[in-house]
Amino acid sequence: MHNDSDIGLQSNCFNKIKELLSKTSVEFNDEKVEKMASLVVMLKKWNKTYNLTAIDDADKMIVLHILDSAVVSPVIKNFKNNIADVGTGAGFPGLVLAILHPEKKFTLIDSIAKKLSFVRFAAVSLKLNNVEIINERCEKIKIEEKFDCILSRAFAPLDKIVNWCKDLIKDDGVFVAMKSHLEEKEINDVPSTVKIEKIIPLQVPTLDAVRNAVILKKVK
């Protein structure tokens, strides 16, 4: 049962998300915004008990979790369909992108079971049939079918992402690392097995902070 405060929060979140998304190049519709608003309501409720994120204010969750995840949507739109979100935490960016791209399959990977309990609950509640979950450190995972894209958001330095996930990605696959500040040392430390194809600046409305998507591919 939803109580009145949940319904009010849902409505406020819907309006705020829609307003902010309209300032980006992300493609969306009302049904997708409704699901993202529900995700904020769920996260806020679970956060009281499980302490999933340090951000507790719904407006800040919208900017720092929903929008900060959604802005990479145009970058991955034309990639192939089997995407892993490593170090997903409470499901960001994976859950948001799964809402925006129902045609793609997302595997959300994290070693912290408590956070993945929320991810599982949210995926079921929002009927996201394109989400799978793996509770394991990414460097220990053994999979049959490798991923077209390894996505991460504020997860680890580039060299660690590449080394930990090298057995999870197809030869023609793409790494997309969502980063705030990129030091020259981090760029220089990238293993010679991959090369940085491009660095795409990402704009998050109302957020005065640097955001980039670093695109890396295996060296053939």
N, C-alpha and C. Protein backbone atom coordinates (compact mmCIF):
# COMPACT_ATOMS: atom_id res chain seq x y z
N MET A 1 0.83 -1.20 0.00
CA MET A 1 0.00 0.00 0.00
C MET A 1 0.87 1.26 0.00
N HIS A 2 0.53 2.20 -0.84
CA HIS A 2 1.20 3.50 -0.82
C HIS A 2 0.44 4.42 0.11
N ASN A 3 1.17 5.13 0.99
CA ASN A 3 0.48 6.13 1.80
C ASN A 3 0.52 7.48 1.08
N ASP A 4 -0.17 8.46 1.65
CA ASP A 4 -0.29 9.76 0.98
C ASP A 4 1.06 10.44 0.77
N SER A 5 1.97 10.28 1.75
CA SER A 5 3.27 10.94 1.61
C SER A 5 4.08 10.31 0.47
N ASP A 6 3.93 8.98 0.30
CA ASP A 6 4.59 8.31 -0.83
C ASP A 6 4.06 8.85 -2.16
N ILE A 7 2.73 9.02 -2.23
CA ILE A 7 2.11 9.49 -3.48
C ILE A 7 2.56 10.92 -3.78
N GLY A 8 2.63 11.74 -2.73
CA GLY A 8 3.11 13.11 -2.91
C GLY A 8 4.56 13.15 -3.36
N LEU A 9 5.39 12.30 -2.73
CA LEU A 9 6.81 12.25 -3.10
C LEU A 9 6.96 11.75 -4.54
N GLN A 10 6.20 10.72 -4.89
CA GLN A 10 6.24 10.17 -6.25
C GLN A 10 5.92 11.26 -7.28
N SER A 11 4.88 12.03 -7.00
CA SER A 11 4.46 13.10 -7.91
C SER A 11 5.54 14.18 -8.04
N ASN A 12 6.11 14.57 -6.91
CA ASN A 12 7.18 15.59 -6.93
C ASN A 12 8.39 15.08 -7.70
N CYS A 13 8.75 13.82 -7.45
CA CYS A 13 9.90 13.23 -8.14
C CYS A 13 9.65 13.16 -9.65
N PHE A 14 8.44 12.75 -10.02
CA PHE A 14 8.08 12.65 -11.44
C PHE A 14 8.30 14.01 -12.12
N ASN A 15 7.76 15.07 -11.52
CA ASN A 15 7.86 16.40 -12.13
C ASN A 15 9.30 16.89 -12.22
N LYS A 16 10.06 16.62 -11.17
CA LYS A 16 11.45 17.09 -11.13
C LYS A 16 12.31 16.33 -12.15
N ILE A 17 12.13 15.00 -12.20
CA ILE A 17 12.91 14.18 -13.14
C ILE A 17 12.59 14.58 -14.58
N LYS A 18 11.30 14.75 -14.86
CA LYS A 18 10.89 15.11 -16.22
C LYS A 18 11.47 16.46 -16.63
N GLU A 19 11.41 17.41 -15.70
CA GLU A 19 11.94 18.75 -15.98
C GLU A 19 13.45 18.71 -16.27
N LEU A 20 14.19 17.96 -15.45
CA LEU A 20 15.65 17.90 -15.62
C LEU A 20 16.03 17.10 -16.87
N LEU A 21 15.35 15.97 -17.11
CA LEU A 21 15.66 15.16 -18.29
C LEU A 21 15.42 15.95 -19.59
N SER A 22 14.43 16.84 -19.56
CA SER A 22 14.11 17.62 -20.77
C SER A 22 15.24 18.58 -21.13
N LYS A 23 16.18 18.78 -20.20
CA LYS A 23 17.34 19.66 -20.47
C LYS A 23 18.54 18.86 -20.98
N THR A 24 18.34 17.57 -21.19
CA THR A 24 19.43 16.70 -21.67
C THR A 24 19.06 16.13 -23.04
N SER A 25 19.95 15.33 -23.61
CA SER A 25 19.64 14.68 -24.89
C SER A 25 19.15 13.24 -24.68
N VAL A 26 18.77 12.92 -23.44
CA VAL A 26 18.26 11.57 -23.12
C VAL A 26 16.84 11.43 -23.69
N GLU A 27 16.58 10.29 -24.35
CA GLU A 27 15.23 10.02 -24.86
C GLU A 27 14.42 9.34 -23.75
N PHE A 28 13.20 9.85 -23.50
CA PHE A 28 12.39 9.30 -22.42
C PHE A 28 10.91 9.51 -22.73
N ASN A 29 10.06 8.82 -21.96
CA ASN A 29 8.61 9.07 -22.01
C ASN A 29 8.08 9.05 -20.59
N ASP A 30 6.80 9.36 -20.43
CA ASP A 30 6.22 9.47 -19.08
C ASP A 30 6.29 8.16 -18.29
N GLU A 31 6.11 7.05 -19.00
CA GLU A 31 6.16 5.75 -18.31
C GLU A 31 7.54 5.51 -17.69
N LYS A 32 8.58 5.88 -18.43
CA LYS A 32 9.95 5.70 -17.92
C LYS A 32 10.23 6.65 -16.75
N VAL A 33 9.72 7.88 -16.86
CA VAL A 33 9.90 8.84 -15.77
C VAL A 33 9.18 8.35 -14.51
N GLU A 34 8.00 7.76 -14.71
CA GLU A 34 7.23 7.22 -13.57
C GLU A 34 8.03 6.15 -12.85
N LYS A 35 8.69 5.29 -13.61
CA LYS A 35 9.51 4.23 -13.00
C LYS A 35 10.70 4.82 -12.25
N MET A 36 11.33 5.84 -12.82
CA MET A 36 12.47 6.48 -12.14
C MET A 36 12.02 7.17 -10.85
N ALA A 37 10.83 7.77 -10.90
CA ALA A 37 10.28 8.41 -9.69
C ALA A 37 10.02 7.34 -8.62
N SER A 38 9.46 6.20 -9.03
CA SER A 38 9.22 5.09 -8.09
C SER A 38 10.53 4.60 -7.49
N LEU A 39 11.57 4.57 -8.30
CA LEU A 39 12.89 4.13 -7.84
C LEU A 39 13.40 5.04 -6.72
N VAL A 40 13.19 6.34 -6.85
CA VAL A 40 13.61 7.28 -5.80
C VAL A 40 12.82 7.03 -4.51
N VAL A 41 11.50 6.83 -4.65
CA VAL A 41 10.65 6.57 -3.47
C VAL A 41 11.12 5.31 -2.75
N MET A 42 11.41 4.25 -3.52
CA MET A 42 11.89 2.99 -2.94
C MET A 42 13.25 3.17 -2.26
N LEU A 43 14.15 3.86 -2.95
CA LEU A 43 15.50 4.06 -2.42
C LEU A 43 15.44 4.83 -1.10
N LYS A 44 14.61 5.86 -1.07
CA LYS A 44 14.49 6.66 0.14
C LYS A 44 13.96 5.81 1.30
N LYS A 45 13.00 4.96 1.02
CA LYS A 45 12.40 4.11 2.05
C LYS A 45 13.41 3.06 2.56
N TRP A 46 14.06 2.38 1.64
CA TRP A 46 15.04 1.34 2.01
C TRP A 46 16.25 1.96 2.71
N ASN A 47 16.60 3.16 2.32
CA ASN A 47 17.80 3.79 2.86
C ASN A 47 17.72 3.98 4.37
N LYS A 48 16.50 4.20 4.86
CA LYS A 48 16.31 4.39 6.32
C LYS A 48 16.81 3.17 7.09
N THR A 49 16.55 1.99 6.55
CA THR A 49 16.91 0.75 7.24
C THR A 49 18.28 0.23 6.84
N TYR A 50 18.59 0.30 5.55
CA TYR A 50 19.77 -0.40 5.04
C TYR A 50 20.96 0.50 4.74
N ASN A 51 20.76 1.82 4.83
CA ASN A 51 21.87 2.75 4.64
C ASN A 51 22.61 2.47 3.32
N LEU A 52 21.87 2.51 2.21
CA LEU A 52 22.41 2.14 0.89
C LEU A 52 23.25 3.26 0.28
N THR A 53 22.91 4.49 0.60
CA THR A 53 23.61 5.64 0.02
C THR A 53 23.69 6.75 1.06
N ALA A 54 24.76 7.53 0.99
CA ALA A 54 24.93 8.65 1.93
C ALA A 54 23.94 9.78 1.62
N ILE A 55 23.36 9.75 0.43
CA ILE A 55 22.43 10.80 0.01
C ILE A 55 21.02 10.41 0.47
N ASP A 56 20.41 11.26 1.30
CA ASP A 56 19.11 10.89 1.85
C ASP A 56 17.98 11.81 1.38
N ASP A 57 18.32 12.91 0.76
CA ASP A 57 17.33 13.87 0.31
C ASP A 57 16.86 13.49 -1.11
N ALA A 58 15.54 13.44 -1.31
CA ALA A 58 14.99 12.96 -2.60
C ALA A 58 15.47 13.82 -3.76
N ASP A 59 15.49 15.14 -3.59
CA ASP A 59 15.95 16.02 -4.69
C ASP A 59 17.40 15.74 -5.05
N LYS A 60 18.21 15.48 -4.04
CA LYS A 60 19.63 15.17 -4.31
C LYS A 60 19.77 13.80 -4.95
N MET A 61 18.94 12.86 -4.51
CA MET A 61 18.95 11.52 -5.14
C MET A 61 18.63 11.64 -6.64
N ILE A 62 17.67 12.52 -6.96
CA ILE A 62 17.28 12.70 -8.36
C ILE A 62 18.46 13.18 -9.20
N VAL A 63 19.20 14.15 -8.67
CA VAL A 63 20.33 14.71 -9.43
C VAL A 63 21.52 13.76 -9.41
N LEU A 64 21.89 13.28 -8.23
CA LEU A 64 23.16 12.56 -8.06
C LEU A 64 23.07 11.06 -8.35
N HIS A 65 21.85 10.52 -8.42
CA HIS A 65 21.70 9.11 -8.78
C HIS A 65 20.95 8.94 -10.11
N ILE A 66 19.76 9.54 -10.22
CA ILE A 66 18.95 9.33 -11.43
C ILE A 66 19.56 10.05 -12.63
N LEU A 67 19.71 11.37 -12.52
CA LEU A 67 20.22 12.15 -13.67
C LEU A 67 21.68 11.81 -13.96
N ASP A 68 22.46 11.63 -12.91
CA ASP A 68 23.89 11.34 -13.09
C ASP A 68 24.08 9.99 -13.78
N SER A 69 23.10 9.10 -13.65
CA SER A 69 23.11 7.82 -14.38
C SER A 69 22.56 7.98 -15.79
N ALA A 70 21.46 8.73 -15.90
CA ALA A 70 20.74 8.82 -17.19
C ALA A 70 21.56 9.50 -18.28
N VAL A 71 22.44 10.43 -17.90
CA VAL A 71 23.14 11.22 -18.93
C VAL A 71 24.07 10.38 -19.81
N VAL A 72 24.39 9.16 -19.39
CA VAL A 72 25.23 8.30 -20.25
C VAL A 72 24.39 7.54 -21.27
N SER A 73 23.06 7.65 -21.17
CA SER A 73 22.16 6.92 -22.07
C SER A 73 22.45 7.16 -23.55
N PRO A 74 22.63 8.43 -24.00
CA PRO A 74 22.92 8.63 -25.43
C PRO A 74 24.25 8.00 -25.87
N VAL A 75 25.19 7.83 -24.92
CA VAL A 75 26.50 7.25 -25.25
C VAL A 75 26.34 5.76 -25.54
N ILE A 76 25.52 5.07 -24.74
CA ILE A 76 25.40 3.61 -24.91
C ILE A 76 24.29 3.20 -25.86
N LYS A 77 23.51 4.18 -26.32
CA LYS A 77 22.31 3.87 -27.13
C LYS A 77 22.62 2.98 -28.33
N ASN A 78 23.73 3.25 -29.00
CA ASN A 78 24.04 2.50 -30.23
C ASN A 78 24.98 1.32 -30.00
N PHE A 79 25.32 1.06 -28.73
CA PHE A 79 26.14 -0.11 -28.44
C PHE A 79 25.29 -1.37 -28.53
N LYS A 80 25.99 -2.50 -28.64
CA LYS A 80 25.26 -3.78 -28.64
C LYS A 80 24.57 -3.99 -27.29
N ASN A 81 23.81 -5.07 -27.20
CA ASN A 81 22.78 -5.12 -26.15
C ASN A 81 23.13 -5.77 -24.83
N ASN A 82 24.30 -6.38 -24.71
CA ASN A 82 24.60 -7.12 -23.48
C ASN A 82 25.59 -6.33 -22.63
N ILE A 83 25.06 -5.63 -21.61
CA ILE A 83 25.86 -4.64 -20.88
C ILE A 83 25.97 -5.05 -19.41
N ALA A 84 27.19 -4.93 -18.85
CA ALA A 84 27.40 -5.18 -17.42
C ALA A 84 27.69 -3.85 -16.73
N ASP A 85 27.04 -3.64 -15.59
CA ASP A 85 27.33 -2.49 -14.74
C ASP A 85 28.11 -3.02 -13.54
N VAL A 86 29.43 -2.77 -13.52
CA VAL A 86 30.27 -3.32 -12.45
C VAL A 86 30.36 -2.31 -11.31
N GLY A 87 30.28 -2.83 -10.08
CA GLY A 87 30.26 -1.95 -8.91
C GLY A 87 28.99 -1.12 -8.88
N THR A 88 27.87 -1.77 -9.15
CA THR A 88 26.59 -1.06 -9.31
C THR A 88 26.08 -0.45 -8.01
N GLY A 89 26.55 -0.98 -6.86
CA GLY A 89 26.07 -0.44 -5.58
C GLY A 89 24.57 -0.67 -5.44
N ALA A 90 23.84 0.43 -5.21
CA ALA A 90 22.38 0.32 -5.07
C ALA A 90 21.67 0.34 -6.43
N GLY A 91 22.44 0.11 -7.51
CA GLY A 91 21.81 -0.05 -8.83
C GLY A 91 22.00 1.11 -9.78
N PHE A 92 23.06 1.88 -9.57
CA PHE A 92 23.29 3.05 -10.43
C PHE A 92 24.66 2.95 -11.10
N PRO A 93 24.68 3.09 -12.43
CA PRO A 93 23.62 3.54 -13.33
C PRO A 93 22.69 2.45 -13.87
N GLY A 94 22.94 1.17 -13.53
CA GLY A 94 22.27 0.06 -14.21
C GLY A 94 20.75 0.10 -14.22
N LEU A 95 20.13 0.36 -13.05
CA LEU A 95 18.66 0.35 -13.00
C LEU A 95 18.06 1.46 -13.86
N VAL A 96 18.68 2.64 -13.80
CA VAL A 96 18.17 3.78 -14.58
C VAL A 96 18.27 3.48 -16.08
N LEU A 97 19.41 2.92 -16.48
CA LEU A 97 19.61 2.61 -17.91
C LEU A 97 18.72 1.46 -18.36
N ALA A 98 18.44 0.52 -17.46
CA ALA A 98 17.52 -0.58 -17.80
C ALA A 98 16.10 -0.05 -18.03
N ILE A 99 15.73 0.99 -17.28
CA ILE A 99 14.43 1.64 -17.50
C ILE A 99 14.42 2.34 -18.86
N LEU A 100 15.50 3.05 -19.15
CA LEU A 100 15.56 3.84 -20.39
C LEU A 100 15.76 2.98 -21.63
N HIS A 101 16.36 1.78 -21.47
CA HIS A 101 16.68 0.91 -22.63
C HIS A 101 16.13 -0.50 -22.40
N PRO A 102 14.81 -0.67 -22.47
CA PRO A 102 14.24 -2.01 -22.24
C PRO A 102 14.70 -3.03 -23.28
N GLU A 103 15.24 -2.54 -24.40
CA GLU A 103 15.69 -3.45 -25.47
C GLU A 103 17.06 -4.04 -25.17
N LYS A 104 17.77 -3.51 -24.19
CA LYS A 104 19.10 -4.02 -23.84
C LYS A 104 19.04 -4.84 -22.56
N LYS A 105 20.02 -5.76 -22.42
CA LYS A 105 20.10 -6.58 -21.21
C LYS A 105 21.20 -6.02 -20.31
N PHE A 106 20.89 -5.84 -19.05
CA PHE A 106 21.84 -5.29 -18.08
C PHE A 106 22.11 -6.30 -16.98
N THR A 107 23.39 -6.59 -16.74
CA THR A 107 23.79 -7.43 -15.61
C THR A 107 24.45 -6.53 -14.58
N LEU A 108 23.84 -6.43 -13.40
CA LEU A 108 24.33 -5.54 -12.36
C LEU A 108 25.17 -6.34 -11.38
N ILE A 109 26.43 -5.92 -11.23
CA ILE A 109 27.42 -6.70 -10.48
C ILE A 109 27.91 -5.90 -9.27
N ASP A 110 27.87 -6.54 -8.11
CA ASP A 110 28.45 -5.92 -6.91
C ASP A 110 28.78 -7.01 -5.91
N SER A 111 29.73 -6.73 -5.02
CA SER A 111 30.11 -7.73 -4.02
C SER A 111 29.31 -7.57 -2.73
N ILE A 112 28.53 -6.51 -2.61
CA ILE A 112 27.81 -6.23 -1.35
C ILE A 112 26.36 -6.70 -1.48
N ALA A 113 26.05 -7.80 -0.80
CA ALA A 113 24.73 -8.44 -0.94
C ALA A 113 23.60 -7.52 -0.50
N LYS A 114 23.82 -6.74 0.56
CA LYS A 114 22.78 -5.86 1.10
C LYS A 114 22.28 -4.89 0.02
N LYS A 115 23.20 -4.34 -0.74
CA LYS A 115 22.82 -3.39 -1.79
C LYS A 115 22.07 -4.10 -2.92
N LEU A 116 22.51 -5.32 -3.22
CA LEU A 116 21.85 -6.06 -4.30
C LEU A 116 20.46 -6.55 -3.89
N SER A 117 20.19 -6.66 -2.59
CA SER A 117 18.82 -6.98 -2.15
C SER A 117 17.87 -5.88 -2.59
N PHE A 118 18.34 -4.64 -2.47
CA PHE A 118 17.52 -3.52 -2.93
C PHE A 118 17.38 -3.55 -4.45
N VAL A 119 18.48 -3.80 -5.14
CA VAL A 119 18.45 -3.83 -6.61
C VAL A 119 17.45 -4.88 -7.09
N ARG A 120 17.47 -6.04 -6.46
CA ARG A 120 16.55 -7.13 -6.84
C ARG A 120 15.10 -6.71 -6.59
N PHE A 121 14.85 -6.12 -5.42
CA PHE A 121 13.49 -5.66 -5.08
C PHE A 121 13.01 -4.61 -6.08
N ALA A 122 13.89 -3.66 -6.41
CA ALA A 122 13.52 -2.59 -7.34
C ALA A 122 13.24 -3.15 -8.74
N ALA A 123 14.10 -4.06 -9.19
CA ALA A 123 13.93 -4.64 -10.54
C ALA A 123 12.61 -5.39 -10.66
N VAL A 124 12.26 -6.15 -9.61
CA VAL A 124 10.99 -6.89 -9.61
C VAL A 124 9.81 -5.92 -9.54
N SER A 125 9.89 -4.95 -8.61
CA SER A 125 8.79 -3.99 -8.43
C SER A 125 8.51 -3.20 -9.70
N LEU A 126 9.58 -2.85 -10.42
CA LEU A 126 9.43 -2.03 -11.63
C LEU A 126 9.27 -2.89 -12.89
N LYS A 127 9.20 -4.23 -12.69
CA LYS A 127 9.04 -5.18 -13.81
C LYS A 127 10.14 -4.99 -14.87
N LEU A 128 11.37 -4.88 -14.39
CA LEU A 128 12.51 -4.75 -15.32
C LEU A 128 13.01 -6.15 -15.66
N ASN A 129 12.43 -6.72 -16.70
CA ASN A 129 12.78 -8.09 -17.09
C ASN A 129 14.15 -8.18 -17.77
N ASN A 130 14.76 -7.03 -18.01
CA ASN A 130 16.06 -6.99 -18.69
C ASN A 130 17.21 -6.84 -17.71
N VAL A 131 16.97 -7.12 -16.42
CA VAL A 131 18.02 -6.98 -15.39
C VAL A 131 18.36 -8.34 -14.81
N GLU A 132 19.66 -8.63 -14.77
CA GLU A 132 20.16 -9.79 -14.01
C GLU A 132 21.15 -9.28 -12.98
N ILE A 133 21.39 -10.08 -11.94
CA ILE A 133 22.23 -9.64 -10.83
C ILE A 133 23.29 -10.69 -10.55
N ILE A 134 24.52 -10.23 -10.33
CA ILE A 134 25.60 -11.14 -9.90
C ILE A 134 26.22 -10.55 -8.63
N ASN A 135 26.18 -11.34 -7.55
CA ASN A 135 26.76 -10.91 -6.27
C ASN A 135 28.16 -11.52 -6.14
N GLU A 136 29.15 -10.79 -6.67
CA GLU A 136 30.53 -11.31 -6.67
C GLU A 136 31.48 -10.18 -7.03
N ARG A 137 32.70 -10.28 -6.63
CA ARG A 137 33.71 -9.33 -7.10
C ARG A 137 33.96 -9.59 -8.59
N CYS A 138 34.06 -8.52 -9.38
CA CYS A 138 34.08 -8.72 -10.83
C CYS A 138 35.27 -9.56 -11.30
N GLU A 139 36.41 -9.46 -10.58
CA GLU A 139 37.59 -10.23 -11.03
C GLU A 139 37.46 -11.73 -10.76
N LYS A 140 36.42 -12.13 -10.00
CA LYS A 140 36.25 -13.56 -9.68
C LYS A 140 35.15 -14.23 -10.49
N ILE A 141 34.47 -13.45 -11.33
CA ILE A 141 33.31 -13.98 -12.06
C ILE A 141 33.75 -14.84 -13.24
N LYS A 142 33.06 -15.96 -13.41
CA LYS A 142 33.27 -16.81 -14.59
C LYS A 142 31.96 -16.81 -15.37
N ILE A 143 32.01 -16.42 -16.63
CA ILE A 143 30.77 -16.39 -17.42
C ILE A 143 30.96 -17.11 -18.75
N GLU A 144 29.84 -17.59 -19.28
CA GLU A 144 29.84 -18.26 -20.58
C GLU A 144 29.87 -17.22 -21.70
N GLU A 145 28.91 -16.30 -21.64
CA GLU A 145 28.79 -15.30 -22.71
C GLU A 145 29.36 -13.97 -22.22
N LYS A 146 30.38 -13.49 -22.92
CA LYS A 146 31.03 -12.24 -22.49
C LYS A 146 30.17 -11.03 -22.86
N PHE A 147 30.47 -9.90 -22.24
CA PHE A 147 29.66 -8.70 -22.41
C PHE A 147 30.14 -7.83 -23.58
N ASP A 148 29.17 -7.17 -24.22
CA ASP A 148 29.50 -6.21 -25.29
C ASP A 148 30.05 -4.91 -24.70
N CYS A 149 29.60 -4.61 -23.48
CA CYS A 149 29.98 -3.34 -22.86
C CYS A 149 30.12 -3.54 -21.36
N ILE A 150 31.22 -3.04 -20.81
CA ILE A 150 31.41 -2.99 -19.35
C ILE A 150 31.29 -1.54 -18.95
N LEU A 151 30.31 -1.28 -18.12
CA LEU A 151 30.00 0.09 -17.71
C LEU A 151 30.31 0.23 -16.22
N SER A 152 30.84 1.38 -15.83
CA SER A 152 31.07 1.61 -14.40
C SER A 152 30.91 3.09 -14.11
N ARG A 153 30.48 3.39 -12.89
CA ARG A 153 30.29 4.78 -12.48
C ARG A 153 30.99 4.98 -11.14
N ALA A 154 32.00 5.86 -11.16
CA ALA A 154 32.74 6.18 -9.94
C ALA A 154 33.13 4.91 -9.18
N PHE A 155 33.69 3.95 -9.92
CA PHE A 155 33.92 2.61 -9.36
C PHE A 155 35.37 2.40 -8.93
N ALA A 156 36.30 2.62 -9.84
CA ALA A 156 37.71 2.33 -9.57
C ALA A 156 38.55 3.05 -10.63
N PRO A 157 39.87 3.17 -10.40
CA PRO A 157 40.73 3.73 -11.45
C PRO A 157 40.65 2.90 -12.74
N LEU A 158 40.90 3.54 -13.87
CA LEU A 158 40.76 2.89 -15.18
C LEU A 158 41.56 1.60 -15.29
N ASP A 159 42.81 1.61 -14.79
CA ASP A 159 43.64 0.40 -14.94
C ASP A 159 43.04 -0.78 -14.18
N LYS A 160 42.46 -0.50 -13.01
CA LYS A 160 41.85 -1.59 -12.23
C LYS A 160 40.59 -2.11 -12.93
N ILE A 161 39.77 -1.21 -13.46
CA ILE A 161 38.55 -1.64 -14.17
C ILE A 161 38.93 -2.59 -15.32
N VAL A 162 39.93 -2.17 -16.10
CA VAL A 162 40.35 -2.97 -17.26
C VAL A 162 40.90 -4.33 -16.81
N ASN A 163 41.77 -4.32 -15.80
CA ASN A 163 42.40 -5.57 -15.36
C ASN A 163 41.41 -6.51 -14.68
N TRP A 164 40.52 -5.96 -13.87
CA TRP A 164 39.54 -6.80 -13.17
C TRP A 164 38.52 -7.41 -14.13
N CYS A 165 38.22 -6.69 -15.21
CA CYS A 165 37.12 -7.11 -16.09
C CYS A 165 37.58 -7.65 -17.43
N LYS A 166 38.89 -7.86 -17.58
CA LYS A 166 39.40 -8.25 -18.91
C LYS A 166 38.84 -9.58 -19.41
N ASP A 167 38.47 -10.47 -18.49
CA ASP A 167 37.92 -11.77 -18.90
C ASP A 167 36.40 -11.74 -19.10
N LEU A 168 35.79 -10.57 -18.87
CA LEU A 168 34.34 -10.46 -18.96
C LEU A 168 33.87 -9.80 -20.24
N ILE A 169 34.81 -9.23 -21.00
CA ILE A 169 34.41 -8.41 -22.15
C ILE A 169 34.82 -9.07 -23.46
N LYS A 170 33.96 -8.96 -24.46
CA LYS A 170 34.27 -9.50 -25.79
C LYS A 170 35.46 -8.77 -26.39
N ASP A 171 36.10 -9.38 -27.38
CA ASP A 171 37.27 -8.76 -28.01
C ASP A 171 36.94 -7.43 -28.67
N ASP A 172 35.70 -7.32 -29.17
CA ASP A 172 35.32 -6.05 -29.80
C ASP A 172 34.44 -5.21 -28.85
N GLY A 173 34.49 -5.57 -27.57
CA GLY A 173 33.66 -4.87 -26.58
C GLY A 173 34.20 -3.49 -26.23
N VAL A 174 33.39 -2.76 -25.47
CA VAL A 174 33.70 -1.38 -25.11
C VAL A 174 33.61 -1.22 -23.60
N PHE A 175 34.63 -0.57 -23.04
CA PHE A 175 34.55 -0.13 -21.64
C PHE A 175 34.02 1.30 -21.62
N VAL A 176 33.05 1.57 -20.76
CA VAL A 176 32.58 2.94 -20.56
C VAL A 176 32.71 3.25 -19.07
N ALA A 177 33.69 4.10 -18.73
CA ALA A 177 33.91 4.46 -17.33
C ALA A 177 33.41 5.87 -17.09
N MET A 178 32.40 6.00 -16.23
CA MET A 178 31.87 7.32 -15.89
C MET A 178 32.72 7.89 -14.76
N LYS A 179 33.30 9.03 -15.01
CA LYS A 179 34.31 9.59 -14.11
C LYS A 179 34.02 11.05 -13.82
N SER A 180 34.47 11.49 -12.65
CA SER A 180 34.43 12.94 -12.41
C SER A 180 35.79 13.49 -12.85
N HIS A 181 36.71 13.68 -11.93
CA HIS A 181 38.01 14.23 -12.34
C HIS A 181 38.91 13.12 -12.85
N LEU A 182 39.60 13.41 -13.94
CA LEU A 182 40.54 12.45 -14.52
C LEU A 182 41.94 13.02 -14.41
N GLU A 183 42.75 12.44 -13.56
CA GLU A 183 44.14 12.89 -13.44
C GLU A 183 44.95 12.32 -14.60
N GLU A 184 45.99 13.01 -14.96
CA GLU A 184 46.87 12.54 -16.05
C GLU A 184 47.46 11.18 -15.72
N LYS A 185 47.80 10.97 -14.43
CA LYS A 185 48.39 9.69 -14.02
C LYS A 185 47.42 8.53 -14.31
N GLU A 186 46.13 8.75 -14.04
CA GLU A 186 45.15 7.68 -14.28
C GLU A 186 45.09 7.32 -15.76
N ILE A 187 45.15 8.34 -16.61
CA ILE A 187 45.14 8.11 -18.06
C ILE A 187 46.42 7.38 -18.49
N ASN A 188 47.55 7.81 -17.93
CA ASN A 188 48.84 7.19 -18.29
C ASN A 188 48.96 5.75 -17.79
N ASP A 189 48.23 5.43 -16.72
CA ASP A 189 48.31 4.08 -16.14
C ASP A 189 47.45 3.05 -16.86
N VAL A 190 46.68 3.50 -17.86
CA VAL A 190 45.81 2.56 -18.60
C VAL A 190 46.68 1.48 -19.25
N PRO A 191 46.34 0.20 -19.05
CA PRO A 191 47.16 -0.89 -19.61
C PRO A 191 47.26 -0.80 -21.15
N SER A 192 48.34 -1.33 -21.68
CA SER A 192 48.56 -1.26 -23.14
C SER A 192 47.63 -2.19 -23.91
N THR A 193 46.87 -3.02 -23.17
CA THR A 193 45.91 -3.93 -23.82
C THR A 193 44.68 -3.19 -24.34
N VAL A 194 44.50 -1.95 -23.87
CA VAL A 194 43.36 -1.15 -24.32
C VAL A 194 43.84 0.23 -24.72
N LYS A 195 42.98 0.94 -25.46
CA LYS A 195 43.30 2.34 -25.74
C LYS A 195 42.05 3.19 -25.51
N ILE A 196 42.29 4.42 -25.08
CA ILE A 196 41.18 5.34 -24.88
C ILE A 196 40.74 5.85 -26.25
N GLU A 197 39.51 5.53 -26.63
CA GLU A 197 38.97 5.96 -27.93
C GLU A 197 38.57 7.43 -27.88
N LYS A 198 37.83 7.79 -26.82
CA LYS A 198 37.44 9.18 -26.64
C LYS A 198 36.98 9.42 -25.21
N ILE A 199 36.95 10.68 -24.85
CA ILE A 199 36.43 11.10 -23.55
C ILE A 199 35.27 12.05 -23.84
N ILE A 200 34.08 11.65 -23.43
CA ILE A 200 32.87 12.42 -23.75
C ILE A 200 32.41 13.18 -22.51
N PRO A 201 32.35 14.52 -22.57
CA PRO A 201 31.85 15.26 -21.41
C PRO A 201 30.35 15.02 -21.24
N LEU A 202 29.93 14.85 -20.00
CA LEU A 202 28.52 14.64 -19.68
C LEU A 202 28.03 15.82 -18.85
N GLN A 203 26.87 16.36 -19.23
CA GLN A 203 26.29 17.47 -18.47
C GLN A 203 25.11 16.97 -17.64
N VAL A 204 25.18 17.17 -16.34
CA VAL A 204 24.07 16.84 -15.45
C VAL A 204 23.41 18.15 -15.03
N PRO A 205 22.16 18.38 -15.44
CA PRO A 205 21.49 19.64 -15.11
C PRO A 205 21.51 19.92 -13.60
N THR A 206 21.77 21.17 -13.26
CA THR A 206 21.85 21.71 -11.88
C THR A 206 23.07 21.22 -11.10
N LEU A 207 23.88 20.34 -11.69
CA LEU A 207 25.06 19.84 -10.97
C LEU A 207 26.30 20.56 -11.49
N ASP A 208 26.94 21.30 -10.62
CA ASP A 208 28.14 22.04 -11.01
C ASP A 208 29.37 21.18 -10.72
N ALA A 209 29.56 20.17 -11.54
CA ALA A 209 30.67 19.25 -11.35
C ALA A 209 31.05 18.64 -12.69
N VAL A 210 32.32 18.27 -12.80
CA VAL A 210 32.82 17.67 -14.04
C VAL A 210 32.37 16.21 -14.11
N ARG A 211 31.84 15.82 -15.25
CA ARG A 211 31.47 14.43 -15.48
C ARG A 211 31.93 14.04 -16.89
N ASN A 212 32.54 12.86 -17.01
CA ASN A 212 32.99 12.37 -18.31
C ASN A 212 32.65 10.90 -18.48
N ALA A 213 32.47 10.49 -19.73
CA ALA A 213 32.41 9.06 -20.04
C ALA A 213 33.68 8.74 -20.82
N VAL A 214 34.52 7.88 -20.24
CA VAL A 214 35.76 7.49 -20.89
C VAL A 214 35.50 6.18 -21.65
N ILE A 215 35.70 6.21 -22.96
CA ILE A 215 35.45 5.04 -23.81
C ILE A 215 36.78 4.36 -24.13
N LEU A 216 36.88 3.10 -23.74
CA LEU A 216 38.11 2.33 -24.01
C LEU A 216 37.77 1.09 -24.81
N LYS A 217 38.68 0.72 -25.72
CA LYS A 217 38.51 -0.53 -26.48
C LYS A 217 39.79 -1.33 -26.42
N LYS A 218 39.64 -2.65 -26.57
CA LYS A 218 40.82 -3.53 -26.61
C LYS A 218 41.66 -3.22 -27.84
N VAL A 219 42.96 -3.29 -27.68
CA VAL A 219 43.86 -3.11 -28.81
C VAL A 219 43.91 -4.42 -29.57
N LYS A 220 43.62 -4.35 -30.87
CA LYS A 220 43.59 -5.59 -31.68
C LYS A 220 45.01 -5.99 -32.05
